[in-house]
């Protein structure tokens, strides 16, 4: 079973070294994203073929718009040997609604979010 973290709990974990993995599609991330120390973008449409690019040595917090797609991705990771995985309950919309920091305008045209790299 995957742990669900509310946005406040997730922010604390992210500030202490956890890694946010956003599984939304490129156009969604470009609209706005959580402003966190580090974030990986791996769209769910590519997730099953590319999940092995994700580190196993850090806590991963999965995120999407509302929490459903990221919960699927989190469960998938647990089934494939990842041990420290959590889901952002309510997704980035709840994160934003609670007033936690976001980047509007996303990652910028110069950055490709189809690659799984740190931002």
Protein backbone atom coordinates (compact mmCIF):
# COMPACT_ATOMS: atom_id res chain seq x y z
CA UNK A 1 0.00 0.00 0.00
CA UNK A 2 1.24 3.47 -0.91
CA UNK A 3 1.41 6.24 1.68
CA UNK A 4 -0.71 9.30 0.88
CA UNK A 5 0.88 12.58 1.94
CA UNK A 6 -1.15 15.75 2.14
CA UNK A 7 0.57 18.74 0.51
CA UNK A 8 1.96 20.06 3.79
CA UNK A 9 3.48 16.67 4.67
CA UNK A 10 4.81 16.32 1.13
CA UNK A 11 6.44 19.77 1.22
CA UNK A 12 8.21 18.89 4.46
CA UNK A 13 9.46 15.61 2.98
CA UNK A 14 10.58 17.40 -0.21
CA UNK A 15 12.42 20.05 1.82
CA UNK A 16 14.19 17.18 3.59
CA UNK A 17 15.45 15.39 0.50
CA UNK A 18 12.52 13.54 -1.05
CA UNK A 19 12.13 13.83 -4.81
CA UNK A 20 8.93 14.94 -6.55
CA UNK A 21 8.03 12.94 -9.66
CA UNK A 22 5.37 14.69 -11.74
CA UNK A 23 3.55 12.27 -14.05
CA UNK A 24 1.44 14.87 -15.84
CA UNK A 25 1.81 15.44 -19.55
CA UNK A 26 4.08 18.18 -20.91
CA UNK A 27 1.36 20.74 -21.56
CA UNK A 28 0.05 20.35 -17.99
CA UNK A 29 3.45 20.86 -16.38
CA UNK A 30 4.08 23.88 -18.59
CA UNK A 31 0.96 25.59 -17.15
CA UNK A 32 2.17 25.35 -13.56
CA UNK A 33 4.14 23.06 -11.29
CA UNK A 34 5.06 22.75 -7.64
CA UNK A 35 8.04 24.87 -6.75
CA UNK A 36 10.29 22.40 -4.97
CA UNK A 37 14.06 21.90 -4.58
CA UNK A 38 14.12 19.07 -7.17
CA UNK A 39 11.57 17.56 -9.50
CA UNK A 40 11.56 14.86 -12.15
CA UNK A 41 9.00 14.91 -14.91
CA UNK A 42 8.03 11.54 -16.34
CA UNK A 43 4.66 11.65 -18.12
CA UNK A 44 2.36 8.76 -17.32
CA UNK A 45 2.07 8.06 -21.06
CA UNK A 46 5.75 6.98 -20.95
CA UNK A 47 5.84 5.70 -17.40
CA UNK A 48 5.75 1.92 -17.88
CA UNK A 49 8.62 1.96 -20.35
CA UNK A 50 10.80 4.49 -18.51
CA UNK A 51 10.18 3.99 -14.76
CA UNK A 52 13.62 2.38 -14.42
CA UNK A 53 15.15 5.85 -14.83
CA UNK A 54 13.83 6.78 -11.38
CA UNK A 55 16.23 6.49 -8.44
CA UNK A 56 15.64 3.77 -5.88
CA UNK A 57 17.82 5.38 -3.22
CA UNK A 58 15.50 8.31 -2.38
CA UNK A 59 11.95 8.76 -1.25
CA UNK A 60 9.80 9.47 -4.30
CA UNK A 61 6.64 11.54 -4.03
CA UNK A 62 4.43 11.02 -7.04
CA UNK A 63 2.26 13.92 -8.24
CA UNK A 64 -0.31 14.72 -10.91
CA UNK A 65 -3.21 17.14 -11.19
CA UNK A 66 -5.60 15.54 -8.71
CA UNK A 67 -3.80 12.49 -7.32
CA UNK A 68 -5.29 9.64 -9.36
CA UNK A 69 -2.66 9.15 -12.05
CA UNK A 70 0.14 9.57 -9.54
CA UNK A 71 -1.42 6.95 -7.25
CA UNK A 72 -1.44 4.53 -10.17
CA UNK A 73 2.25 5.33 -10.83
CA UNK A 74 3.14 4.97 -7.13
CA UNK A 75 1.46 1.56 -6.91
CA UNK A 76 3.23 0.50 -10.11
CA UNK A 77 6.60 1.44 -8.60
CA UNK A 78 5.91 -0.48 -5.39
CA UNK A 79 4.96 -3.54 -7.47
CA UNK A 80 8.28 -3.19 -9.29
CA UNK A 81 10.55 -3.09 -6.26
CA UNK A 82 10.58 0.57 -5.20
CA UNK A 83 10.31 0.78 -1.43
CA UNK A 84 10.06 4.46 -0.51
CA UNK A 85 7.17 5.82 -2.56
CA UNK A 86 4.35 8.17 -1.55
CA UNK A 87 1.53 9.90 -3.39
CA UNK A 88 0.69 13.60 -3.22
CA UNK A 89 -2.91 13.43 -1.99
CA UNK A 90 -5.05 15.83 -3.99
CA UNK A 91 -2.25 16.49 -6.48
CA UNK A 92 -0.83 19.80 -7.57
CA UNK A 93 -4.28 21.42 -7.59
CA UNK A 94 -4.62 20.89 -3.83
CA UNK A 95 -0.99 21.96 -3.36
CA UNK A 96 -1.82 25.21 -5.18
CA UNK A 97 -5.16 25.69 -3.39
CA UNK A 98 -3.36 25.54 -0.04
CA UNK A 99 -1.07 28.36 -1.10
CA UNK A 100 2.09 26.30 -1.34
CA UNK A 101 4.66 27.64 -3.83
CA UNK A 102 4.07 27.01 -7.54
CA UNK A 103 5.83 28.01 -10.73
CA UNK A 104 3.40 29.51 -13.20
CA UNK A 105 4.35 29.22 -16.82
CA UNK A 106 5.98 25.90 -16.08
CA UNK A 107 9.45 24.84 -17.00
CA UNK A 108 10.09 27.09 -19.98
CA UNK A 109 10.36 26.29 -23.65
CA UNK A 110 14.08 25.59 -23.40
CA UNK A 111 13.54 22.54 -21.17
CA UNK A 112 12.23 19.25 -22.49
CA UNK A 113 9.93 17.56 -20.03
CA UNK A 114 9.84 14.38 -22.06
CA UNK A 115 13.18 13.44 -20.57
CA UNK A 116 13.46 12.24 -17.02
CA UNK A 117 15.95 14.67 -15.54
CA UNK A 118 16.20 16.88 -12.51
CA UNK A 119 14.80 20.40 -12.75
